[in-house]
């Protein structure tokens, strides 16, 4: 994933915010061959779900919790 609009060197100074920002970017714009940790995604889901497109959020919820649908 390549993000040209954010200074990643600066945001890396804040590890928690960087991790959340990176997860959000990967979920929104594609993984580009990388993998997300399912446990981390679930642990941070309350933050991430507010920041994702509604249809994408529904898809990810279906993939994370298939028995609920």
Protein backbone atom coordinates (compact mmCIF):
# COMPACT_ATOMS: atom_id res chain seq x y z
CA UNK A 1 0.00 0.00 0.00
CA UNK A 2 1.34 3.39 -0.96
CA UNK A 3 -0.18 6.53 0.52
CA UNK A 4 1.13 9.74 -1.01
CA UNK A 5 -0.95 12.17 1.08
CA UNK A 6 0.36 11.27 4.55
CA UNK A 7 3.82 11.66 6.00
CA UNK A 8 4.34 8.14 7.30
CA UNK A 9 7.65 9.03 8.97
CA UNK A 10 5.80 11.50 11.20
CA UNK A 11 2.84 9.28 12.02
CA UNK A 12 5.15 6.36 12.94
CA UNK A 13 6.19 8.33 16.01
CA UNK A 14 2.80 7.45 17.47
CA UNK A 15 2.63 3.63 17.35
CA UNK A 16 -1.02 3.15 18.38
CA UNK A 17 -2.35 5.81 16.00
CA UNK A 18 -0.11 4.51 13.21
CA UNK A 19 -1.37 0.97 13.68
CA UNK A 20 -5.01 2.09 13.56
CA UNK A 21 -4.40 4.38 10.58
CA UNK A 22 -2.63 1.61 8.68
CA UNK A 23 -5.38 -0.92 9.39
CA UNK A 24 -8.01 1.56 8.23
CA UNK A 25 -6.06 2.27 5.03
CA UNK A 26 -5.60 -1.40 4.29
CA UNK A 27 -9.28 -2.17 4.82
CA UNK A 28 -10.43 0.80 2.76
CA UNK A 29 -8.00 0.71 -0.15
CA UNK A 30 -6.82 -2.88 -0.36
CA UNK A 31 -4.25 -5.09 1.26
CA UNK A 32 -1.84 -5.10 -1.68
CA UNK A 33 -0.62 -8.61 -0.91
CA UNK A 34 -0.28 -8.03 2.82
CA UNK A 35 -2.29 -9.68 5.57
CA UNK A 36 -4.12 -8.27 8.56
CA UNK A 37 -4.14 -9.98 11.92
CA UNK A 38 -7.72 -11.08 12.61
CA UNK A 39 -7.36 -10.70 16.39
CA UNK A 40 -6.07 -7.13 16.05
CA UNK A 41 -8.87 -6.25 13.65
CA UNK A 42 -11.50 -7.60 16.05
CA UNK A 43 -9.85 -5.87 19.02
CA UNK A 44 -9.96 -2.50 17.23
CA UNK A 45 -13.28 -3.02 15.46
CA UNK A 46 -15.18 -0.36 17.44
CA UNK A 47 -12.79 2.29 16.15
CA UNK A 48 -12.50 0.94 12.61
CA UNK A 49 -16.19 0.38 11.91
CA UNK A 50 -16.97 4.07 12.36
CA UNK A 51 -14.39 5.02 9.75
CA UNK A 52 -15.22 2.56 6.96
CA UNK A 53 -17.67 2.74 4.08
CA UNK A 54 -20.98 1.10 5.16
CA UNK A 55 -20.94 -1.58 2.45
CA UNK A 56 -17.30 -2.43 3.11
CA UNK A 57 -18.05 -2.57 6.84
CA UNK A 58 -20.87 -5.06 6.20
CA UNK A 59 -18.57 -7.26 4.12
CA UNK A 60 -15.84 -7.25 6.76
CA UNK A 61 -18.35 -7.99 9.52
CA UNK A 62 -19.62 -10.92 7.48
CA UNK A 63 -16.06 -12.23 7.06
CA UNK A 64 -15.18 -11.78 10.73
CA UNK A 65 -18.43 -13.09 12.22
CA UNK A 66 -20.14 -15.31 9.60
CA UNK A 67 -22.46 -17.02 12.08
CA UNK A 68 -24.22 -13.75 12.90
CA UNK A 69 -25.59 -13.35 9.37
